Amino acid sequence: MDIALEPPMAVVLQYVDAFNNGDSKAMAALCADPMQILDGMSPHVWQGPTASEGWWRDVRREGEHAGASDYHIALGEPRHVDVTGDHAYVVVPATMTVTLQGKQATQPVQPSPSRSARWGQCGG
């Protein structure tokens, strides 16, 4: 079985594709409600059906102040996909590339434990 082809991973791939295309509405459409995003930038937590759109708005706003643009995520091979009913827990290493003040910058994004997401409502 190819773990990258499992339904929850397919949703992750669709979400990252929407992110890479700057399509916050497509990102939001893939998420279950309740949705929660945690990030190091203020306000740190976005919740509910507009979490993805609010987070993307704030990413762009923060990026404008820092001179960042052209965000792109590349995913590695999934380390873990666990499905129980309509919930899934997915761990995937990623690399974020961004243009920062005219220069390309790349940083690894370390997978971290998080609560499972209901994937049945997220395109699964």
Foldseek 3Di string as FASTA:
>chain_A
DQPCPDLVNVLVVQLQVCVLVLNLVSNLQLADPFDWDADPDPPRIATGSCRSVVVSVVVVVVCVVQVKDNKHKDWDRWPDWDDDPQWIFTWIKIKIWIQTNNRIDIDIDHTDDDDIGRRVSRRD
